[in-house]
Amino acid sequence: MQPIFDELAARADGVEIVLLGWNKGVALPPAVLAPLRAKLKARGVSLDGMDTGAACRTFNLLVGESRRVAALLMPA
């Protein structure tokens, strides 16, 4: 997954928000999210983690607002 985040961080003009969706009830450890969030934040990109269903709904809402958003989704 790290190469994907590296690519997103390198494209400062690409996305402004990255949604990370994973299985409901499973929390990714802060040790995993913190370095990724910091790297993206340095490029002006926010990282939001949530369950996959919420990430899909949020993605659709943000696209409807013409926001530059990317979603990395794992099966629910």
Protein backbone atom coordinates (compact mmCIF):
# COMPACT_ATOMS: atom_id res chain seq x y z
CA MET A 1 0.00 0.00 0.00
CA GLN A 2 2.95 2.37 0.58
CA PRO A 3 3.65 2.90 -3.17
CA ILE A 4 0.07 4.09 -3.63
CA PHE A 5 0.44 6.68 -0.88
CA ASP A 6 3.81 7.77 -2.25
CA GLU A 7 2.22 8.37 -5.66
CA LEU A 8 -0.67 10.34 -4.17
CA ALA A 9 1.70 12.46 -2.07
CA ALA A 10 3.84 13.22 -5.12
CA ARG A 11 0.85 14.58 -7.06
CA ALA A 12 0.24 17.79 -5.16
CA ASP A 13 -2.07 19.09 -7.90
CA GLY A 14 -4.01 15.82 -8.08
CA VAL A 15 -6.19 15.03 -5.09
CA GLU A 16 -6.99 17.06 -2.00
CA ILE A 17 -8.64 14.27 0.01
CA VAL A 18 -7.85 10.55 0.24
CA LEU A 19 -10.48 8.28 1.74
CA LEU A 20 -9.27 4.97 3.13
CA GLY A 21 -12.04 2.41 3.60
CA TRP A 22 -11.62 -0.90 5.41
CA ASN A 23 -13.72 -3.58 7.11
CA LYS A 24 -16.35 -2.31 9.52
CA GLY A 25 -15.29 -2.77 13.12
CA VAL A 26 -11.61 -3.13 12.27
CA ALA A 27 -9.45 -0.16 13.23
CA LEU A 28 -6.11 0.45 11.57
CA PRO A 29 -3.46 1.13 14.19
CA PRO A 30 -2.34 4.75 14.61
CA ALA A 31 1.21 3.55 13.92
CA VAL A 32 0.05 2.76 10.37
CA LEU A 33 -2.09 5.85 9.74
CA ALA A 34 0.05 8.54 11.42
CA PRO A 35 3.07 8.38 9.07
CA LEU A 36 0.84 8.22 5.99
CA ARG A 37 -1.30 11.10 7.20
CA ALA A 38 1.79 13.21 7.96
CA LYS A 39 3.35 12.55 4.57
CA LEU A 40 0.17 13.46 2.71
CA LYS A 41 -0.50 16.49 4.93
CA ALA A 42 2.92 17.87 4.02
CA ARG A 43 1.65 17.95 0.42
CA GLY A 44 -1.69 19.50 1.34
CA VAL A 45 -3.65 16.25 1.07
CA SER A 46 -5.87 15.03 3.90
CA LEU A 47 -6.31 11.34 4.74
CA ASP A 48 -9.55 10.15 6.29
CA GLY A 49 -10.07 6.56 7.37
CA MET A 50 -13.46 4.92 7.86
CA ASP A 51 -15.32 1.72 7.10
CA THR A 52 -15.75 0.90 3.41
CA GLY A 53 -19.45 1.72 3.18
CA ALA A 54 -18.95 5.15 4.73
CA ALA A 55 -15.97 5.78 2.45
CA CYS A 56 -18.10 5.00 -0.63
CA ARG A 57 -20.87 7.34 0.50
CA THR A 58 -18.39 10.09 1.36
CA PHE A 59 -16.62 9.66 -1.97
CA ASN A 60 -19.89 10.07 -3.88
CA LEU A 61 -20.80 13.16 -1.87
CA LEU A 62 -17.41 14.79 -2.44
CA VAL A 63 -17.42 14.00 -6.16
CA GLY A 64 -20.87 15.58 -6.34
CA GLU A 65 -19.30 18.72 -4.87
CA SER A 66 -16.57 18.62 -7.56
CA ARG A 67 -13.87 17.94 -4.97
CA ARG A 68 -10.61 16.25 -5.97
CA VAL A 69 -10.91 13.01 -4.06
CA ALA A 70 -9.41 9.53 -4.25
CA ALA A 71 -10.61 6.41 -2.45
CA LEU A 72 -8.65 3.33 -1.50
CA LEU A 73 -11.24 0.72 -0.61
CA MET A 74 -10.88 -2.72 0.90
CA PRO A 75 -13.79 -5.21 0.76
CA ALA A 76 -16.26 -4.84 3.59
